[in-house]
Amino acid sequence: MAKKQFAVIGMGRFGSSVADALSKLGFEVLAIDASEQKIQEIAGSVTHAVSADTTDEETLRALGIRNFDVVVVAIGADIQASILTTLILKDLGVPRLIVKAQNELHGKVLSKIGADKVVFPERDMGLRVAHHLISPNILDYIELSDDYSIVEMKAPTQFIGKNLKQLDVRAKFKCNVMAIKTGVKMNISPYAEDIIHEGDVLVIVGKNNDLTNLEIAYAEG
């Protein structure tokens, strides 16, 4: 089975990071940016790098953009270029289109014109930093929707030596422990009798407010 091919448009901090990471994972990556300098900077890290105006339909058509499995539009401050590029890519029939949004209104427009997924890198990083500030035990925070999220939480001191039944996180905080990571081992759908050990990481899902209450209740350091 052939590996997916990716095109990343916009070689700012986010776009170049995505392109570089995909390339290191062994995928074929086409990097596109209007700036010749940015293309020169990324050229050694990806399969192909091209300086092009992605608001021009014929240019994108000539690049064979529709042949790529996934296109990531990571255009920075130029919201008009982001929207126009997204419209053209959708019209050309790109199979999967992921677009970076600057703000909520920009994101709504992108969703309406056909982006398969809209990402908010700055907002999401801000959320992660904020949750880490609430509790250093929080290792990662992933927003699933406006109401629900998943957190990876290092087991607080109060959890160690107790099992899930004793902790009763579901009853106390209305959150569910989906998994327990012990070193490199992942215990999916743990039993109520499973003991929490020092260094364990809990993967917990719940409503955002409930997760925040959990974080605050067991904040350490």
N, C-alpha and C. Protein backbone atom coordinates (compact mmCIF):
# COMPACT_ATOMS: atom_id res chain seq x y z
N MET A 1 0.85 -1.19 0.00
CA MET A 1 0.00 0.00 0.00
C MET A 1 0.89 1.25 0.00
N ALA A 2 0.66 2.16 -0.95
CA ALA A 2 1.48 3.36 -1.08
C ALA A 2 1.25 4.30 0.09
N LYS A 3 2.33 4.95 0.53
CA LYS A 3 2.21 5.91 1.61
C LYS A 3 1.48 7.16 1.12
N LYS A 4 0.79 7.82 2.05
CA LYS A 4 0.10 9.06 1.70
C LYS A 4 1.10 10.12 1.27
N GLN A 5 0.65 10.98 0.36
CA GLN A 5 1.46 12.11 -0.08
C GLN A 5 0.82 13.39 0.46
N PHE A 6 1.66 14.28 0.98
CA PHE A 6 1.17 15.51 1.60
C PHE A 6 1.71 16.74 0.88
N ALA A 7 0.89 17.77 0.80
CA ALA A 7 1.34 19.09 0.36
C ALA A 7 1.05 20.06 1.50
N VAL A 8 2.03 20.89 1.81
CA VAL A 8 1.85 21.88 2.88
C VAL A 8 2.08 23.26 2.26
N ILE A 9 1.06 24.11 2.38
CA ILE A 9 1.13 25.46 1.81
C ILE A 9 1.31 26.48 2.92
N GLY A 10 2.39 27.25 2.84
CA GLY A 10 2.68 28.24 3.87
C GLY A 10 3.78 27.74 4.78
N MET A 11 4.98 28.27 4.60
CA MET A 11 6.13 27.80 5.37
C MET A 11 6.49 28.71 6.53
N GLY A 12 5.45 29.15 7.24
CA GLY A 12 5.68 29.86 8.50
C GLY A 12 6.10 28.86 9.56
N ARG A 13 6.06 29.27 10.81
CA ARG A 13 6.49 28.39 11.91
C ARG A 13 5.68 27.09 11.96
N PHE A 14 4.35 27.21 11.84
CA PHE A 14 3.48 26.04 11.91
C PHE A 14 3.64 25.15 10.67
N GLY A 15 3.55 25.76 9.49
CA GLY A 15 3.62 24.98 8.25
C GLY A 15 4.94 24.25 8.08
N SER A 16 6.04 24.94 8.36
CA SER A 16 7.35 24.31 8.21
C SER A 16 7.53 23.18 9.22
N SER A 17 6.97 23.36 10.41
CA SER A 17 7.04 22.32 11.44
C SER A 17 6.28 21.07 11.01
N VAL A 18 5.07 21.26 10.44
CA VAL A 18 4.26 20.14 9.95
C VAL A 18 4.98 19.43 8.80
N ALA A 19 5.50 20.20 7.86
CA ALA A 19 6.18 19.63 6.69
C ALA A 19 7.41 18.83 7.12
N ASP A 20 8.19 19.39 8.02
CA ASP A 20 9.40 18.73 8.50
C ASP A 20 9.07 17.44 9.25
N ALA A 21 8.04 17.49 10.10
CA ALA A 21 7.65 16.31 10.89
C ALA A 21 7.14 15.19 9.98
N LEU A 22 6.32 15.52 8.98
CA LEU A 22 5.81 14.51 8.05
C LEU A 22 6.95 13.88 7.26
N SER A 23 7.90 14.71 6.85
CA SER A 23 9.04 14.21 6.08
C SER A 23 9.89 13.25 6.92
N LYS A 24 10.11 13.59 8.19
CA LYS A 24 10.89 12.74 9.08
C LYS A 24 10.19 11.41 9.36
N LEU A 25 8.85 11.42 9.22
CA LEU A 25 8.09 10.17 9.42
C LEU A 25 8.10 9.31 8.15
N GLY A 26 8.77 9.81 7.11
CA GLY A 26 8.95 9.00 5.91
C GLY A 26 7.96 9.26 4.78
N PHE A 27 7.16 10.33 4.90
CA PHE A 27 6.17 10.62 3.87
C PHE A 27 6.74 11.57 2.81
N GLU A 28 6.16 11.49 1.62
CA GLU A 28 6.53 12.43 0.56
C GLU A 28 5.81 13.74 0.82
N VAL A 29 6.57 14.84 0.85
CA VAL A 29 5.99 16.14 1.19
C VAL A 29 6.39 17.18 0.15
N LEU A 30 5.37 17.89 -0.35
CA LEU A 30 5.59 19.04 -1.20
C LEU A 30 5.36 20.29 -0.36
N ALA A 31 6.38 21.13 -0.23
CA ALA A 31 6.26 22.39 0.50
C ALA A 31 6.09 23.53 -0.48
N ILE A 32 5.10 24.40 -0.21
CA ILE A 32 4.81 25.52 -1.11
C ILE A 32 4.74 26.82 -0.31
N ASP A 33 5.37 27.86 -0.84
CA ASP A 33 5.27 29.18 -0.21
C ASP A 33 5.57 30.24 -1.28
N ALA A 34 4.99 31.42 -1.09
CA ALA A 34 5.23 32.51 -2.05
C ALA A 34 6.65 33.06 -1.91
N SER A 35 7.25 32.85 -0.73
CA SER A 35 8.58 33.39 -0.47
C SER A 35 9.68 32.42 -0.93
N GLU A 36 10.52 32.88 -1.82
CA GLU A 36 11.64 32.07 -2.30
C GLU A 36 12.59 31.75 -1.16
N GLN A 37 12.78 32.70 -0.25
CA GLN A 37 13.69 32.49 0.88
C GLN A 37 13.21 31.36 1.78
N LYS A 38 11.90 31.34 2.09
CA LYS A 38 11.36 30.29 2.95
C LYS A 38 11.46 28.92 2.28
N ILE A 39 11.29 28.90 0.96
CA ILE A 39 11.41 27.65 0.22
C ILE A 39 12.85 27.13 0.27
N GLN A 40 13.80 28.03 0.15
CA GLN A 40 15.20 27.63 0.24
C GLN A 40 15.52 27.06 1.62
N GLU A 41 14.90 27.64 2.65
CA GLU A 41 15.15 27.19 4.03
C GLU A 41 14.61 25.79 4.29
N ILE A 42 13.46 25.45 3.67
CA ILE A 42 12.82 24.16 3.94
C ILE A 42 13.23 23.08 2.93
N ALA A 43 13.83 23.49 1.82
CA ALA A 43 14.10 22.58 0.69
C ALA A 43 14.86 21.31 1.10
N GLY A 44 15.81 21.44 2.01
CA GLY A 44 16.60 20.28 2.41
C GLY A 44 15.87 19.30 3.31
N SER A 45 14.69 19.69 3.79
CA SER A 45 13.95 18.85 4.75
C SER A 45 12.78 18.10 4.15
N VAL A 46 12.39 18.46 2.91
CA VAL A 46 11.20 17.84 2.31
C VAL A 46 11.54 17.24 0.94
N THR A 47 10.57 16.51 0.36
CA THR A 47 10.78 15.86 -0.93
C THR A 47 10.90 16.89 -2.06
N HIS A 48 9.95 17.82 -2.08
CA HIS A 48 9.95 18.88 -3.09
C HIS A 48 9.58 20.20 -2.41
N ALA A 49 10.14 21.29 -2.88
CA ALA A 49 9.81 22.62 -2.36
C ALA A 49 9.68 23.58 -3.52
N VAL A 50 8.55 24.32 -3.58
CA VAL A 50 8.25 25.18 -4.72
C VAL A 50 7.78 26.55 -4.24
N SER A 51 8.30 27.59 -4.85
CA SER A 51 7.80 28.94 -4.61
C SER A 51 6.67 29.21 -5.59
N ALA A 52 5.46 29.48 -5.07
CA ALA A 52 4.30 29.65 -5.94
C ALA A 52 3.22 30.47 -5.26
N ASP A 53 2.39 31.11 -6.08
CA ASP A 53 1.23 31.85 -5.61
C ASP A 53 0.03 30.91 -5.60
N THR A 54 -0.40 30.49 -4.41
CA THR A 54 -1.46 29.48 -4.32
C THR A 54 -2.85 30.07 -4.47
N THR A 55 -2.95 31.39 -4.68
CA THR A 55 -4.25 31.99 -4.97
C THR A 55 -4.53 31.97 -6.47
N ASP A 56 -3.61 31.38 -7.24
CA ASP A 56 -3.77 31.24 -8.69
C ASP A 56 -4.12 29.79 -9.02
N GLU A 57 -5.31 29.59 -9.54
CA GLU A 57 -5.80 28.22 -9.80
C GLU A 57 -4.92 27.46 -10.78
N GLU A 58 -4.47 28.11 -11.82
CA GLU A 58 -3.65 27.43 -12.82
C GLU A 58 -2.31 26.97 -12.25
N THR A 59 -1.77 27.76 -11.34
CA THR A 59 -0.51 27.39 -10.69
C THR A 59 -0.69 26.11 -9.89
N LEU A 60 -1.76 26.04 -9.11
CA LEU A 60 -2.03 24.85 -8.30
C LEU A 60 -2.32 23.64 -9.18
N ARG A 61 -3.04 23.87 -10.25
CA ARG A 61 -3.35 22.78 -11.19
C ARG A 61 -2.04 22.23 -11.80
N ALA A 62 -1.15 23.15 -12.17
CA ALA A 62 0.13 22.76 -12.78
C ALA A 62 1.01 21.96 -11.81
N LEU A 63 0.85 22.23 -10.50
CA LEU A 63 1.62 21.51 -9.49
C LEU A 63 1.06 20.11 -9.22
N GLY A 64 -0.10 19.80 -9.85
CA GLY A 64 -0.72 18.49 -9.64
C GLY A 64 -1.23 18.32 -8.23
N ILE A 65 -1.72 19.41 -7.64
CA ILE A 65 -2.11 19.41 -6.23
C ILE A 65 -3.23 18.42 -5.92
N ARG A 66 -4.08 18.15 -6.92
CA ARG A 66 -5.20 17.23 -6.69
C ARG A 66 -4.73 15.79 -6.49
N ASN A 67 -3.49 15.50 -6.86
CA ASN A 67 -2.95 14.14 -6.71
C ASN A 67 -2.46 13.84 -5.29
N PHE A 68 -2.40 14.86 -4.47
CA PHE A 68 -1.95 14.65 -3.09
C PHE A 68 -3.12 14.20 -2.22
N ASP A 69 -2.84 13.27 -1.31
CA ASP A 69 -3.90 12.72 -0.45
C ASP A 69 -4.42 13.75 0.54
N VAL A 70 -3.49 14.55 1.08
CA VAL A 70 -3.85 15.56 2.08
C VAL A 70 -3.11 16.85 1.74
N VAL A 71 -3.84 17.96 1.80
CA VAL A 71 -3.21 19.28 1.65
C VAL A 71 -3.45 20.07 2.93
N VAL A 72 -2.38 20.61 3.49
CA VAL A 72 -2.46 21.44 4.69
C VAL A 72 -2.23 22.89 4.27
N VAL A 73 -3.20 23.74 4.53
CA VAL A 73 -3.06 25.17 4.24
C VAL A 73 -2.67 25.86 5.55
N ALA A 74 -1.42 26.27 5.62
CA ALA A 74 -0.89 26.86 6.85
C ALA A 74 -0.49 28.32 6.63
N ILE A 75 -1.24 28.99 5.76
CA ILE A 75 -0.93 30.40 5.46
C ILE A 75 -1.14 31.23 6.72
N GLY A 76 -0.19 32.13 6.99
CA GLY A 76 -0.20 32.88 8.25
C GLY A 76 -1.21 34.00 8.33
N ALA A 77 -0.75 35.24 8.29
CA ALA A 77 -1.61 36.39 8.60
C ALA A 77 -2.55 36.78 7.46
N ASP A 78 -2.29 36.34 6.25
CA ASP A 78 -3.10 36.74 5.10
C ASP A 78 -4.36 35.87 5.02
N ILE A 79 -5.40 36.31 5.71
CA ILE A 79 -6.65 35.54 5.79
C ILE A 79 -7.31 35.41 4.42
N GLN A 80 -7.23 36.48 3.62
CA GLN A 80 -7.83 36.44 2.28
C GLN A 80 -7.17 35.36 1.41
N ALA A 81 -5.84 35.28 1.47
CA ALA A 81 -5.12 34.26 0.70
C ALA A 81 -5.46 32.87 1.20
N SER A 82 -5.63 32.72 2.51
CA SER A 82 -5.99 31.43 3.11
C SER A 82 -7.35 30.96 2.59
N ILE A 83 -8.33 31.87 2.60
CA ILE A 83 -9.68 31.52 2.16
C ILE A 83 -9.71 31.22 0.66
N LEU A 84 -9.05 32.06 -0.13
CA LEU A 84 -9.05 31.86 -1.58
C LEU A 84 -8.34 30.56 -1.96
N THR A 85 -7.22 30.28 -1.31
CA THR A 85 -6.49 29.03 -1.56
C THR A 85 -7.36 27.82 -1.21
N THR A 86 -8.06 27.90 -0.10
CA THR A 86 -8.95 26.81 0.33
C THR A 86 -10.06 26.59 -0.68
N LEU A 87 -10.66 27.67 -1.15
CA LEU A 87 -11.73 27.57 -2.16
C LEU A 87 -11.23 26.88 -3.43
N ILE A 88 -10.06 27.29 -3.90
CA ILE A 88 -9.50 26.73 -5.13
C ILE A 88 -9.20 25.24 -4.95
N LEU A 89 -8.58 24.90 -3.82
CA LEU A 89 -8.24 23.50 -3.56
C LEU A 89 -9.48 22.62 -3.49
N LYS A 90 -10.53 23.14 -2.87
CA LYS A 90 -11.79 22.39 -2.78
C LYS A 90 -12.37 22.19 -4.18
N ASP A 91 -12.30 23.24 -4.99
CA ASP A 91 -12.83 23.19 -6.35
C ASP A 91 -12.04 22.21 -7.22
N LEU A 92 -10.74 22.08 -6.93
CA LEU A 92 -9.89 21.17 -7.69
C LEU A 92 -10.08 19.71 -7.26
N GLY A 93 -10.77 19.50 -6.15
CA GLY A 93 -11.08 18.14 -5.72
C GLY A 93 -10.04 17.47 -4.86
N VAL A 94 -9.32 18.26 -4.05
CA VAL A 94 -8.35 17.68 -3.12
C VAL A 94 -9.08 16.75 -2.14
N PRO A 95 -8.61 15.51 -1.96
CA PRO A 95 -9.33 14.54 -1.12
C PRO A 95 -9.54 14.97 0.33
N ARG A 96 -8.49 15.52 0.95
CA ARG A 96 -8.61 15.94 2.36
C ARG A 96 -7.87 17.26 2.54
N LEU A 97 -8.58 18.21 3.13
CA LEU A 97 -8.08 19.57 3.23
C LEU A 97 -8.08 20.03 4.69
N ILE A 98 -6.89 20.30 5.22
CA ILE A 98 -6.75 20.76 6.61
C ILE A 98 -6.21 22.18 6.57
N VAL A 99 -6.90 23.09 7.27
CA VAL A 99 -6.55 24.51 7.16
C VAL A 99 -6.36 25.14 8.53
N LYS A 100 -5.30 25.93 8.63
CA LYS A 100 -5.02 26.68 9.85
C LYS A 100 -5.87 27.94 9.88
N ALA A 101 -6.52 28.20 11.02
CA ALA A 101 -7.33 29.41 11.18
C ALA A 101 -6.66 30.37 12.16
N GLN A 102 -6.82 31.65 11.89
CA GLN A 102 -6.26 32.69 12.76
C GLN A 102 -7.15 32.94 13.97
N ASN A 103 -8.48 32.82 13.76
CA ASN A 103 -9.43 33.09 14.84
C ASN A 103 -10.73 32.32 14.58
N GLU A 104 -11.69 32.46 15.49
CA GLU A 104 -12.93 31.69 15.39
C GLU A 104 -13.72 32.05 14.13
N LEU A 105 -13.80 33.32 13.79
CA LEU A 105 -14.55 33.74 12.61
C LEU A 105 -13.91 33.18 11.34
N HIS A 106 -12.60 33.27 11.25
CA HIS A 106 -11.86 32.70 10.13
C HIS A 106 -12.15 31.19 10.04
N GLY A 107 -12.15 30.52 11.18
CA GLY A 107 -12.42 29.08 11.22
C GLY A 107 -13.81 28.73 10.72
N LYS A 108 -14.80 29.55 11.10
CA LYS A 108 -16.17 29.30 10.64
C LYS A 108 -16.28 29.43 9.13
N VAL A 109 -15.61 30.44 8.57
CA VAL A 109 -15.63 30.64 7.12
C VAL A 109 -14.98 29.44 6.43
N LEU A 110 -13.84 28.99 6.95
CA LEU A 110 -13.13 27.86 6.35
C LEU A 110 -13.98 26.59 6.36
N SER A 111 -14.70 26.38 7.46
CA SER A 111 -15.58 25.20 7.56
C SER A 111 -16.70 25.28 6.54
N LYS A 112 -17.27 26.47 6.37
CA LYS A 112 -18.40 26.65 5.45
C LYS A 112 -17.99 26.45 3.99
N ILE A 113 -16.73 26.78 3.67
CA ILE A 113 -16.31 26.66 2.26
C ILE A 113 -15.69 25.30 1.96
N GLY A 114 -15.68 24.41 2.95
CA GLY A 114 -15.33 23.03 2.64
C GLY A 114 -14.09 22.44 3.27
N ALA A 115 -13.41 23.17 4.17
CA ALA A 115 -12.25 22.58 4.85
C ALA A 115 -12.69 21.35 5.64
N ASP A 116 -11.98 20.24 5.47
CA ASP A 116 -12.35 19.01 6.19
C ASP A 116 -12.03 19.12 7.68
N LYS A 117 -10.96 19.84 7.99
CA LYS A 117 -10.60 20.05 9.39
C LYS A 117 -9.96 21.42 9.51
N VAL A 118 -10.39 22.17 10.53
CA VAL A 118 -9.81 23.48 10.81
C VAL A 118 -9.02 23.38 12.11
N VAL A 119 -7.79 23.86 12.08
CA VAL A 119 -6.94 23.79 13.28
C VAL A 119 -6.59 25.20 13.75
N PHE A 120 -6.41 25.31 15.07
CA PHE A 120 -6.07 26.59 15.69
C PHE A 120 -4.79 26.41 16.50
N PRO A 121 -3.63 26.38 15.86
CA PRO A 121 -2.39 26.07 16.56
C PRO A 121 -2.10 26.98 17.76
N GLU A 122 -2.26 28.29 17.58
CA GLU A 122 -1.97 29.22 18.66
C GLU A 122 -2.94 29.03 19.82
N ARG A 123 -4.23 28.90 19.50
CA ARG A 123 -5.23 28.72 20.55
C ARG A 123 -5.01 27.40 21.29
N ASP A 124 -4.75 26.34 20.53
CA ASP A 124 -4.56 25.03 21.14
C ASP A 124 -3.33 25.00 22.04
N MET A 125 -2.25 25.65 21.59
CA MET A 125 -1.05 25.72 22.42
C MET A 125 -1.33 26.55 23.66
N GLY A 126 -2.10 27.62 23.50
CA GLY A 126 -2.47 28.43 24.66
C GLY A 126 -3.26 27.63 25.68
N LEU A 127 -4.17 26.78 25.20
CA LEU A 127 -4.96 25.91 26.09
C LEU A 127 -4.05 24.96 26.85
N ARG A 128 -3.10 24.36 26.14
CA ARG A 128 -2.20 23.40 26.78
C ARG A 128 -1.35 24.06 27.85
N VAL A 129 -0.84 25.25 27.53
CA VAL A 129 -0.01 25.97 28.50
C VAL A 129 -0.86 26.35 29.72
N ALA A 130 -2.09 26.83 29.46
CA ALA A 130 -2.97 27.23 30.57
C ALA A 130 -3.26 26.05 31.49
N HIS A 131 -3.54 24.89 30.91
CA HIS A 131 -3.86 23.72 31.74
C HIS A 131 -2.62 23.23 32.48
N HIS A 132 -1.46 23.37 31.87
CA HIS A 132 -0.23 23.00 32.56
C HIS A 132 0.03 23.95 33.73
N LEU A 133 -0.35 25.21 33.57
CA LEU A 133 -0.18 26.18 34.65
C LEU A 133 -1.12 25.89 35.81
N ILE A 134 -2.33 25.41 35.46
CA ILE A 134 -3.29 25.04 36.51
C ILE A 134 -2.72 23.90 37.35
N SER A 135 -2.16 22.90 36.66
CA SER A 135 -1.59 21.74 37.34
C SER A 135 -0.43 21.19 36.54
N PRO A 136 0.78 21.24 37.09
CA PRO A 136 1.96 20.68 36.40
C PRO A 136 1.82 19.19 36.10
N ASN A 137 0.84 18.52 36.72
CA ASN A 137 0.60 17.10 36.43
C ASN A 137 0.03 16.89 35.04
N ILE A 138 -0.55 17.94 34.45
CA ILE A 138 -1.15 17.81 33.13
C ILE A 138 -0.05 17.80 32.07
N LEU A 139 0.07 16.67 31.38
CA LEU A 139 1.12 16.50 30.36
C LEU A 139 0.63 16.90 28.98
N ASP A 140 -0.67 16.70 28.72
CA ASP A 140 -1.22 17.08 27.42
C ASP A 140 -2.71 17.32 27.56
N TYR A 141 -3.24 18.16 26.67
CA TYR A 141 -4.66 18.52 26.70
C TYR A 141 -5.14 18.60 25.27
N ILE A 142 -6.14 17.78 24.93
CA ILE A 142 -6.64 17.74 23.55
C ILE A 142 -8.14 18.03 23.57
N GLU A 143 -8.54 19.09 22.89
CA GLU A 143 -9.94 19.47 22.82
C GLU A 143 -10.64 18.64 21.76
N LEU A 144 -11.65 17.85 22.14
CA LEU A 144 -12.39 17.02 21.20
C LEU A 144 -13.52 17.80 20.53
N SER A 145 -14.13 18.70 21.30
CA SER A 145 -15.22 19.53 20.80
C SER A 145 -15.30 20.76 21.69
N ASP A 146 -16.34 21.56 21.51
CA ASP A 146 -16.49 22.74 22.36
C ASP A 146 -16.73 22.36 23.81
N ASP A 147 -17.24 21.16 24.05
CA ASP A 147 -17.62 20.76 25.40
C ASP A 147 -16.73 19.69 26.03
N TYR A 148 -16.10 18.84 25.21
CA TYR A 148 -15.36 17.70 25.74
C TYR A 148 -13.88 17.74 25.35
N SER A 149 -13.05 17.21 26.25
CA SER A 149 -11.61 17.15 26.00
C SER A 149 -11.03 15.88 26.62
N ILE A 150 -9.77 15.61 26.25
CA ILE A 150 -9.00 14.52 26.84
C ILE A 150 -7.75 15.13 27.48
N VAL A 151 -7.42 14.68 28.69
CA VAL A 151 -6.16 15.11 29.30
C VAL A 151 -5.29 13.90 29.60
N GLU A 152 -3.99 14.09 29.47
CA GLU A 152 -3.02 13.12 29.96
C GLU A 152 -2.48 13.70 31.25
N MET A 153 -2.68 12.97 32.33
CA MET A 153 -2.37 13.49 33.66
C MET A 153 -1.44 12.54 34.42
N LYS A 154 -0.31 13.07 34.83
CA LYS A 154 0.59 12.28 35.67
C LYS A 154 -0.10 12.00 36.99
N ALA A 155 -0.05 10.75 37.43
CA ALA A 155 -0.78 10.36 38.64
C ALA A 155 -0.37 11.22 39.83
N PRO A 156 -1.31 11.97 40.43
CA PRO A 156 -1.00 12.76 41.61
C PRO A 156 -0.62 11.87 42.79
N THR A 157 0.05 12.43 43.77
CA THR A 157 0.48 11.67 44.95
C THR A 157 -0.70 10.96 45.61
N GLN A 158 -1.86 11.64 45.63
CA GLN A 158 -3.04 11.07 46.29
C GLN A 158 -3.58 9.83 45.59
N PHE A 159 -3.20 9.62 44.32
CA PHE A 159 -3.70 8.47 43.56
C PHE A 159 -2.86 7.21 43.77
N ILE A 160 -1.60 7.39 44.13
CA ILE A 160 -0.65 6.27 44.14
C ILE A 160 -1.01 5.24 45.21
N GLY A 161 -1.04 3.97 44.77
CA GLY A 161 -1.37 2.88 45.68
C GLY A 161 -2.85 2.58 45.77
N LYS A 162 -3.67 3.40 45.12
CA LYS A 162 -5.12 3.18 45.15
C LYS A 162 -5.59 2.65 43.79
N ASN A 163 -6.74 1.98 43.82
CA ASN A 163 -7.30 1.51 42.55
C ASN A 163 -8.37 2.48 42.07
N LEU A 164 -8.84 2.28 40.84
CA LEU A 164 -9.80 3.20 40.24
C LEU A 164 -11.12 3.24 41.01
N LYS A 165 -11.48 2.11 41.59
CA LYS A 165 -12.73 2.06 42.36
C LYS A 165 -12.63 2.96 43.59
N GLN A 166 -11.48 2.91 44.26
CA GLN A 166 -11.28 3.76 45.43
C GLN A 166 -11.25 5.24 45.07
N LEU A 167 -10.64 5.55 43.96
CA LEU A 167 -10.53 6.95 43.55
C LEU A 167 -11.89 7.50 43.09
N ASP A 168 -12.66 6.65 42.42
CA ASP A 168 -14.02 7.00 41.99
C ASP A 168 -14.09 8.34 41.26
N VAL A 169 -13.19 8.51 40.30
CA VAL A 169 -13.11 9.76 39.55
C VAL A 169 -14.42 10.06 38.82
N ARG A 170 -15.08 9.01 38.36
CA ARG A 170 -16.32 9.20 37.60
C ARG A 170 -17.41 9.81 38.46
N ALA A 171 -17.55 9.32 39.69
CA ALA A 171 -18.61 9.83 40.57
C ALA A 171 -18.26 11.22 41.11
N LYS A 172 -16.98 11.42 41.43
CA LYS A 172 -16.58 12.70 42.04
C LYS A 172 -16.49 13.83 41.03
N PHE A 173 -16.02 13.52 39.82
CA PHE A 173 -15.76 14.58 38.85
C PHE A 173 -16.47 14.39 37.50
N LYS A 174 -17.24 13.31 37.36
CA LYS A 174 -17.97 13.02 36.11
C LYS A 174 -17.01 12.84 34.92
N CYS A 175 -15.81 12.34 35.20
CA CYS A 175 -14.82 12.09 34.16
C CYS A 175 -14.51 10.60 34.11
N ASN A 176 -14.07 10.11 32.97
CA ASN A 176 -13.77 8.69 32.81
C ASN A 176 -12.29 8.46 32.52
N VAL A 177 -11.67 7.53 33.25
CA VAL A 177 -10.29 7.14 32.99
C VAL A 177 -10.32 6.12 31.85
N MET A 178 -9.85 6.54 30.68
CA MET A 178 -9.89 5.69 29.49
C MET A 178 -8.73 4.72 29.43
N ALA A 179 -7.58 5.13 29.99
CA ALA A 179 -6.38 4.29 29.89
C ALA A 179 -5.38 4.70 30.97
N ILE A 180 -4.47 3.77 31.27
CA ILE A 180 -3.38 4.03 32.20
C ILE A 180 -2.07 3.66 31.50
N LYS A 181 -1.16 4.61 31.41
CA LYS A 181 0.15 4.35 30.80
C LYS A 181 1.17 4.11 31.90
N THR A 182 1.79 2.94 31.87
CA THR A 182 2.86 2.61 32.82
C THR A 182 4.12 2.38 32.00
N GLY A 183 5.01 3.36 32.00
CA GLY A 183 6.19 3.28 31.15
C GLY A 183 5.77 3.27 29.69
N VAL A 184 6.16 2.23 28.96
CA VAL A 184 5.78 2.13 27.54
C VAL A 184 4.51 1.31 27.34
N LYS A 185 4.00 0.74 28.44
CA LYS A 185 2.80 -0.09 28.34
C LYS A 185 1.54 0.75 28.51
N MET A 186 0.53 0.46 27.69
CA MET A 186 -0.74 1.17 27.74
C MET A 186 -1.85 0.19 28.12
N ASN A 187 -2.53 0.46 29.23
CA ASN A 187 -3.65 -0.36 29.70
C ASN A 187 -4.94 0.31 29.22
N ILE A 188 -5.49 -0.22 28.13
CA ILE A 188 -6.73 0.34 27.57
C ILE A 188 -7.93 -0.20 28.33
N SER A 189 -8.90 0.66 28.63
CA SER A 189 -10.10 0.27 29.38
C SER A 189 -9.74 -0.48 30.66
N PRO A 190 -9.05 0.19 31.58
CA PRO A 190 -8.63 -0.46 32.82
C PRO A 190 -9.81 -0.87 33.69
N TYR A 191 -9.58 -1.91 34.51
CA TYR A 191 -10.61 -2.39 35.43
C TYR A 191 -10.63 -1.55 36.70
N ALA A 192 -11.73 -1.62 37.41
CA ALA A 192 -11.90 -0.85 38.65
C ALA A 192 -10.85 -1.23 39.70
N GLU A 193 -10.34 -2.47 39.62
CA GLU A 193 -9.39 -2.95 40.62
C GLU A 193 -7.93 -2.60 40.28
N ASP A 194 -7.70 -2.03 39.11
CA ASP A 194 -6.33 -1.71 38.69
C ASP A 194 -5.72 -0.62 39.58
N ILE A 195 -4.51 -0.91 40.06
CA ILE A 195 -3.81 -0.01 40.98
C ILE A 195 -3.02 1.05 40.21
N ILE A 196 -3.02 2.25 40.75
CA ILE A 196 -2.23 3.35 40.18
C ILE A 196 -0.85 3.35 40.86
N HIS A 197 0.20 3.35 40.04
CA HIS A 197 1.57 3.35 40.57
C HIS A 197 2.24 4.69 40.33
N GLU A 198 3.30 4.95 41.07
CA GLU A 198 4.05 6.18 40.89
C GLU A 198 4.61 6.25 39.47
N GLY A 199 4.44 7.39 38.82
CA GLY A 199 4.92 7.56 37.45
C GLY A 199 3.90 7.20 36.39
N ASP A 200 2.76 6.61 36.79
CA ASP A 200 1.71 6.29 35.83
C ASP A 200 1.11 7.57 35.25
N VAL A 201 0.62 7.45 34.02
CA VAL A 201 -0.07 8.57 33.38
C VAL A 201 -1.50 8.12 33.08
N LEU A 202 -2.47 8.92 33.50
CA LEU A 202 -3.87 8.61 33.28
C LEU A 202 -4.38 9.39 32.07
N VAL A 203 -5.11 8.69 31.21
CA VAL A 203 -5.76 9.34 30.07
C VAL A 203 -7.24 9.47 30.43
N ILE A 204 -7.68 10.71 30.59
CA ILE A 204 -9.02 10.97 31.14
C ILE A 204 -9.84 11.81 30.16
N VAL A 205 -11.10 11.42 29.97
CA VAL A 205 -12.00 12.17 29.09
C VAL A 205 -13.17 12.71 29.92
N GLY A 206 -13.64 13.88 29.54
CA GLY A 206 -14.77 14.46 30.26
C GLY A 206 -15.14 15.82 29.72
N LYS A 207 -16.16 16.41 30.31
CA LYS A 207 -16.54 17.78 29.95
C LYS A 207 -15.43 18.72 30.42
N ASN A 208 -15.24 19.80 29.68
CA ASN A 208 -14.15 20.72 29.98
C ASN A 208 -14.20 21.24 31.42
N ASN A 209 -15.38 21.63 31.88
CA ASN A 209 -15.50 22.16 33.24
C ASN A 209 -15.17 21.10 34.28
N ASP A 210 -15.60 19.86 34.02
CA ASP A 210 -15.33 18.77 34.96
C ASP A 210 -13.84 18.45 35.01
N LEU A 211 -13.20 18.46 33.85
CA LEU A 211 -11.76 18.21 33.80
C LEU A 211 -10.98 19.30 34.55
N THR A 212 -11.41 20.54 34.39
CA THR A 212 -10.76 21.65 35.10
C THR A 212 -10.89 21.48 36.60
N ASN A 213 -12.07 21.06 37.05
CA ASN A 213 -12.29 20.82 38.48
C ASN A 213 -11.36 19.72 38.99
N LEU A 214 -11.17 18.68 38.17
CA LEU A 214 -10.27 17.58 38.53
C LEU A 214 -8.83 18.08 38.62
N GLU A 215 -8.42 18.87 37.64
CA GLU A 215 -7.06 19.41 37.62
C GLU A 215 -6.78 20.25 38.87
N ILE A 216 -7.72 21.14 39.19
CA ILE A 216 -7.55 22.03 40.35
C ILE A 216 -7.51 21.24 41.65
N ALA A 217 -8.38 20.22 41.73
CA ALA A 217 -8.47 19.42 42.97
C ALA A 217 -7.15 18.70 43.28
N TYR A 218 -6.43 18.30 42.22
CA TYR A 218 -5.20 17.54 42.43
C TYR A 218 -3.96 18.29 41.94
N ALA A 219 -4.06 19.62 41.91
CA ALA A 219 -2.91 20.43 41.50
C ALA A 219 -1.79 20.26 42.51
N GLU A 220 -0.58 20.07 42.00
CA GLU A 220 0.60 19.91 42.85
C GLU A 220 1.72 20.81 42.35
N GLY A 221 2.59 21.17 43.24
CA GLY A 221 3.76 21.94 42.84
C GLY A 221 3.44 23.38 42.58
